[in-house]
C-alpha atoms as a PDB file:
ATOM      1  CA  LEU A   1      80.314  86.935 102.649  1.00  0.00           C
ATOM      2  CA  GLU A   2      79.578  88.241 105.754  1.00  0.00           C
ATOM      3  CA  LEU A   3      82.740  86.903 108.417  1.00  0.00           C
ATOM      4  CA  TYR A   4      81.122  88.980 111.438  1.00  0.00           C
ATOM      5  CA  ASP A   5      78.756  91.178 112.034  1.00  0.00           C
ATOM      6  CA  THR A   6      78.897  94.623 112.692  1.00  0.00           C
ATOM      7  CA  HIS A   7      75.993  95.300 114.185  1.00  0.00           C
ATOM      8  CA  GLN A   8      77.158  92.541 117.198  1.00  0.00           C
ATOM      9  CA  MET A   9      80.444  94.058 117.065  1.00  0.00           C
ATOM     10  CA  VAL A  10      80.080  97.424 118.730  1.00  0.00           C
ATOM     11  CA  LYS A  11      76.691  97.537 120.457  1.00  0.00           C
ATOM     12  CA  GLY A  12      78.177  97.437 123.341  1.00  0.00           C
ATOM     13  CA  PHE A  13      80.606  99.707 123.325  1.00  0.00           C
ATOM     14  CA  PRO A  14      80.151 103.451 124.519  1.00  0.00           C
ATOM     15  CA  LEU A  15      79.755 106.391 122.208  1.00  0.00           C
ATOM     16  CA  PRO A  16      79.744 109.405 123.567  1.00  0.00           C
ATOM     17  CA  GLN A  17      76.566 111.396 123.795  1.00  0.00           C
ATOM     18  CA  THR A  18      76.703 114.930 121.646  1.00  0.00           C
ATOM     19  CA  GLU A  19      77.854 115.917 118.614  1.00  0.00           C
ATOM     20  CA  ARG A  20      81.115 117.416 119.988  1.00  0.00           C
ATOM     21  CA  GLU A  21      82.264 114.990 122.620  1.00  0.00           C
ATOM     22  CA  SER A  22      81.490 112.146 119.025  1.00  0.00           C
ATOM     23  CA  ASP A  23      84.128 114.214 117.857  1.00  0.00           C
ATOM     24  CA  LYS A  24      86.673 114.544 120.571  1.00  0.00           C
ATOM     25  CA  PHE A  25      86.770 110.960 121.080  1.00  0.00           C
ATOM     26  CA  PHE A  26      86.647 110.220 118.076  1.00  0.00           C
ATOM     27  CA  GLU A  27      89.972 112.591 116.776  1.00  0.00           C
ATOM     28  CA  ILE A  28      91.616 111.371 120.573  1.00  0.00           C
ATOM     29  CA  LEU A  29      90.616 107.449 119.143  1.00  0.00           C
ATOM     30  CA  GLU A  30      92.406 108.717 115.893  1.00  0.00           C
ATOM     31  CA  ASP A  31      95.751 109.896 117.464  1.00  0.00           C
ATOM     32  CA  ILE A  32      96.056 106.103 119.312  1.00  0.00           C
ATOM     33  CA  HIS A  33      95.800 104.280 116.540  1.00  0.00           C
ATOM     34  CA  ASP A  34      98.325 106.965 114.450  1.00  0.00           C
ATOM     35  CA  ARG A  35     100.695 106.393 117.170  1.00  0.00           C
ATOM     36  CA  ALA A  36     100.193 102.925 117.518  1.00  0.00           C
ATOM     37  CA  ARG A  37     100.896 102.514 113.244  1.00  0.00           C
ATOM     38  CA  GLY A  38     103.923 105.067 114.391  1.00  0.00           C
ATOM     39  CA  LYS A  39     102.145 107.811 111.773  1.00  0.00           C
ATOM     40  CA  LYS A  40     103.225 111.611 112.465  1.00  0.00           C
ATOM     41  CA  LYS A  41     101.298 114.132 111.801  1.00  0.00           C
ATOM     42  CA  LYS A  42     102.334 116.433 108.779  1.00  0.00           C
ATOM     43  CA  GLN A  43     103.528 119.907 109.509  1.00  0.00           C
ATOM     44  CA  THR A  44     102.892 122.305 106.946  1.00  0.00           C
ATOM     45  CA  ILE A  45     105.505 125.213 107.392  1.00  0.00           C
ATOM     46  CA  ILE A  46     104.641 128.998 106.279  1.00  0.00           C
ATOM     47  CA  LEU A  47     107.207 130.943 105.176  1.00  0.00           C
ATOM     48  CA  ASP A  48     106.062 134.844 106.141  1.00  0.00           C
ATOM     49  CA  LYS A  49     108.661 137.777 104.924  1.00  0.00           C
ATOM     50  CA  ASN A  50     107.535 139.665 107.917  1.00  0.00           C
ATOM     51  CA  ASP A  51     107.962 137.087 110.917  1.00  0.00           C
ATOM     52  CA  GLY A  52     109.546 134.277 110.234  1.00  0.00           C
ATOM     53  CA  ILE A  53     108.893 131.025 109.506  1.00  0.00           C
ATOM     54  CA  ASN A  54     104.775 129.842 111.456  1.00  0.00           C
ATOM     55  CA  VAL A  55     104.584 126.046 111.690  1.00  0.00           C
ATOM     56  CA  LYS A  56     100.974 124.613 112.083  1.00  0.00           C
ATOM     57  CA  GLU A  57      99.793 120.711 112.415  1.00  0.00           C
ATOM     58  CA  GLY A  58      97.704 119.439 110.323  1.00  0.00           C
ATOM     59  CA  ALA A  59      95.766 116.422 109.531  1.00  0.00           C
ATOM     60  CA  MET A  60      97.326 113.636 108.118  1.00  0.00           C
END
């Protein structure tokens, strides 16, 4: 159907120059989108008989 041209839509959008900057940029972008949709990060709870309870944030 070609409802829109993706290249035209994003060609003026400034993207990071390095892989590290790109990873950080898209992580932040995903967090913003998730907050806008009301999503929360999942947490992994690890029970350790010696240390107690540890909580680690994980991916969605």
